[in-house]
């Protein structure tokens, strides 16, 4: 268990993935649930086009728990 379970921490994970299914993200979340003792509060997904370099938040927000 984390030393301070009441403290919300931020974890940033960056990887190329395929919208809208996001198979890499789903594999990462399955790994987290299976191997990491800390619970996830929420997941925010942002996307960017490879040619214009501008970031925007995805249309959907997946919240666990």
N, C-alpha and C. Protein backbone atom coordinates (compact mmCIF):
# COMPACT_ATOMS: atom_id res chain seq x y z
N UNK A 1 0.84 -1.19 0.00
CA UNK A 1 0.00 0.00 0.00
C UNK A 1 0.88 1.25 0.00
N UNK A 2 0.38 2.31 -0.58
CA UNK A 2 1.14 3.56 -0.55
C UNK A 2 1.31 4.05 0.89
N UNK A 3 2.39 4.78 1.13
CA UNK A 3 2.65 5.30 2.48
C UNK A 3 1.58 6.28 2.94
N UNK A 4 1.02 7.03 2.00
CA UNK A 4 0.01 8.05 2.33
C UNK A 4 -1.20 7.86 1.41
N UNK A 5 -2.11 6.93 1.74
CA UNK A 5 -3.23 6.64 0.84
C UNK A 5 -4.20 7.81 0.65
N UNK A 6 -4.21 8.78 1.57
CA UNK A 6 -5.12 9.91 1.43
C UNK A 6 -4.59 10.98 0.48
N UNK A 7 -3.34 10.88 0.07
CA UNK A 7 -2.73 11.88 -0.81
C UNK A 7 -2.91 11.42 -2.25
N UNK A 8 -3.50 12.29 -3.06
CA UNK A 8 -3.70 12.00 -4.47
C UNK A 8 -2.44 12.37 -5.23
N UNK A 9 -1.88 11.43 -5.97
CA UNK A 9 -0.66 11.67 -6.73
C UNK A 9 -0.96 11.66 -8.22
N UNK A 10 -0.13 12.34 -8.99
CA UNK A 10 -0.29 12.40 -10.43
C UNK A 10 0.75 11.51 -11.10
N UNK A 11 0.31 10.74 -12.06
CA UNK A 11 1.20 9.88 -12.83
C UNK A 11 0.94 10.18 -14.30
N UNK A 12 1.97 10.54 -15.04
CA UNK A 12 1.83 10.86 -16.46
C UNK A 12 2.46 9.73 -17.27
N UNK A 13 1.68 9.17 -18.16
CA UNK A 13 2.13 8.08 -19.02
C UNK A 13 1.86 8.50 -20.46
N UNK A 14 2.89 8.46 -21.28
CA UNK A 14 2.75 8.88 -22.67
C UNK A 14 3.15 7.73 -23.58
N UNK A 15 2.30 7.46 -24.56
CA UNK A 15 2.58 6.41 -25.53
C UNK A 15 1.68 6.65 -26.74
N UNK A 16 2.12 6.18 -27.89
CA UNK A 16 1.27 6.25 -29.07
C UNK A 16 0.21 5.17 -28.97
N UNK A 17 -1.01 5.52 -29.36
CA UNK A 17 -2.12 4.59 -29.25
C UNK A 17 -3.10 4.85 -30.39
N UNK A 18 -4.04 3.96 -30.58
CA UNK A 18 -5.00 4.07 -31.67
C UNK A 18 -6.38 4.40 -31.13
N UNK A 19 -6.84 5.63 -31.39
CA UNK A 19 -8.19 6.02 -30.98
C UNK A 19 -9.19 5.37 -31.92
N UNK A 20 -10.39 5.09 -31.53
CA UNK A 20 -10.99 5.32 -30.22
C UNK A 20 -10.88 4.12 -29.28
N UNK A 21 -10.30 3.00 -29.72
CA UNK A 21 -10.24 1.82 -28.84
C UNK A 21 -9.14 1.91 -27.79
N UNK A 22 -8.03 2.60 -28.08
CA UNK A 22 -6.90 2.78 -27.17
C UNK A 22 -6.41 1.46 -26.58
N UNK A 23 -5.95 0.53 -27.42
CA UNK A 23 -5.50 -0.77 -26.90
C UNK A 23 -4.31 -0.68 -25.95
N UNK A 24 -3.37 0.23 -26.19
CA UNK A 24 -2.21 0.38 -25.29
C UNK A 24 -2.66 0.86 -23.92
N UNK A 25 -3.56 1.83 -23.89
CA UNK A 25 -4.08 2.35 -22.63
C UNK A 25 -4.81 1.25 -21.87
N UNK A 26 -5.62 0.48 -22.57
CA UNK A 26 -6.36 -0.61 -21.91
C UNK A 26 -5.41 -1.65 -21.33
N UNK A 27 -4.34 -1.99 -22.05
CA UNK A 27 -3.35 -2.93 -21.52
C UNK A 27 -2.65 -2.36 -20.29
N UNK A 28 -2.33 -1.06 -20.35
CA UNK A 28 -1.69 -0.41 -19.20
C UNK A 28 -2.61 -0.42 -17.98
N UNK A 29 -3.89 -0.09 -18.18
CA UNK A 29 -4.83 -0.08 -17.05
C UNK A 29 -5.04 -1.48 -16.48
N UNK A 30 -5.07 -2.49 -17.34
CA UNK A 30 -5.18 -3.87 -16.85
C UNK A 30 -3.95 -4.24 -16.03
N UNK A 31 -2.76 -3.84 -16.50
CA UNK A 31 -1.53 -4.09 -15.75
C UNK A 31 -1.58 -3.39 -14.39
N UNK A 32 -2.02 -2.14 -14.38
CA UNK A 32 -2.09 -1.37 -13.14
C UNK A 32 -3.00 -2.06 -12.14
N UNK A 33 -4.19 -2.47 -12.57
CA UNK A 33 -5.13 -3.14 -11.67
C UNK A 33 -4.55 -4.45 -11.13
N UNK A 34 -3.82 -5.16 -11.97
CA UNK A 34 -3.29 -6.47 -11.61
C UNK A 34 -2.04 -6.39 -10.74
N UNK A 35 -1.15 -5.40 -10.98
CA UNK A 35 0.18 -5.41 -10.37
C UNK A 35 0.45 -4.30 -9.35
N UNK A 36 -0.25 -3.19 -9.44
CA UNK A 36 0.05 -2.03 -8.59
C UNK A 36 -0.97 -1.97 -7.45
N UNK A 37 -0.49 -1.75 -6.24
CA UNK A 37 -1.39 -1.72 -5.07
C UNK A 37 -2.17 -0.41 -4.97
N UNK A 38 -1.66 0.67 -5.53
CA UNK A 38 -2.37 1.95 -5.46
C UNK A 38 -3.55 1.98 -6.41
N UNK A 39 -4.65 2.54 -5.95
CA UNK A 39 -5.85 2.65 -6.78
C UNK A 39 -5.78 3.87 -7.68
N UNK A 40 -6.41 3.77 -8.84
CA UNK A 40 -6.52 4.90 -9.76
C UNK A 40 -7.79 5.69 -9.43
N UNK A 41 -7.65 7.00 -9.38
CA UNK A 41 -8.81 7.86 -9.15
C UNK A 41 -9.50 8.17 -10.46
N UNK A 42 -8.74 8.59 -11.46
CA UNK A 42 -9.32 8.92 -12.76
C UNK A 42 -8.23 8.85 -13.83
N UNK A 43 -8.68 8.80 -15.07
CA UNK A 43 -7.78 8.75 -16.22
C UNK A 43 -8.23 9.82 -17.20
N UNK A 44 -7.31 10.65 -17.64
CA UNK A 44 -7.63 11.67 -18.63
C UNK A 44 -6.81 11.38 -19.88
N UNK A 45 -7.47 11.37 -21.03
CA UNK A 45 -6.82 11.06 -22.30
C UNK A 45 -6.79 12.31 -23.16
N UNK A 46 -5.62 12.63 -23.69
CA UNK A 46 -5.48 13.75 -24.62
C UNK A 46 -4.93 13.20 -25.93
N UNK A 47 -5.32 13.80 -27.02
CA UNK A 47 -4.87 13.35 -28.33
C UNK A 47 -4.24 14.50 -29.08
N UNK A 48 -3.39 14.18 -30.02
CA UNK A 48 -2.77 15.18 -30.88
C UNK A 48 -2.58 14.59 -32.26
N UNK A 49 -2.81 15.39 -33.26
CA UNK A 49 -2.54 14.95 -34.61
C UNK A 49 -1.04 14.98 -34.86
N UNK A 50 -0.53 14.02 -35.61
CA UNK A 50 0.93 13.96 -35.80
C UNK A 50 1.49 15.09 -36.65
N UNK A 51 0.63 15.81 -37.39
CA UNK A 51 1.15 16.83 -38.30
C UNK A 51 1.04 18.24 -37.77
N UNK A 52 0.08 18.50 -36.91
CA UNK A 52 -0.09 19.89 -36.48
C UNK A 52 0.41 20.15 -35.07
N UNK A 53 0.71 19.13 -34.28
CA UNK A 53 1.33 19.32 -32.98
C UNK A 53 0.48 20.01 -31.93
N UNK A 54 -0.80 20.19 -32.18
CA UNK A 54 -1.68 20.81 -31.19
C UNK A 54 -2.37 19.72 -30.40
N UNK A 55 -2.44 19.93 -29.08
CA UNK A 55 -3.07 18.96 -28.19
C UNK A 55 -4.50 19.37 -27.90
N UNK A 56 -5.36 18.39 -27.78
CA UNK A 56 -6.73 18.65 -27.35
C UNK A 56 -7.16 17.47 -26.49
N UNK A 57 -8.08 17.73 -25.58
CA UNK A 57 -8.58 16.65 -24.75
C UNK A 57 -9.56 15.81 -25.57
N UNK A 58 -9.56 14.53 -25.30
CA UNK A 58 -10.46 13.61 -25.99
C UNK A 58 -11.91 13.94 -25.61
N UNK A 59 -12.84 13.45 -26.41
CA UNK A 59 -14.26 13.73 -26.19
C UNK A 59 -14.81 12.99 -24.98
N UNK A 60 -14.17 11.91 -24.56
CA UNK A 60 -14.68 11.10 -23.47
C UNK A 60 -13.68 11.05 -22.32
N UNK A 61 -14.20 11.01 -21.13
CA UNK A 61 -13.37 10.88 -19.92
C UNK A 61 -13.76 9.58 -19.24
N UNK A 62 -12.78 8.70 -19.06
CA UNK A 62 -12.99 7.41 -18.41
C UNK A 62 -12.63 7.54 -16.96
N UNK A 63 -13.56 7.30 -16.07
CA UNK A 63 -13.32 7.36 -14.64
C UNK A 63 -13.48 5.97 -14.04
N UNK A 64 -12.48 5.52 -13.33
CA UNK A 64 -12.54 4.23 -12.66
C UNK A 64 -12.96 4.43 -11.21
N UNK A 65 -13.65 3.47 -10.68
CA UNK A 65 -14.12 3.45 -9.29
C UNK A 65 -15.31 4.34 -9.17
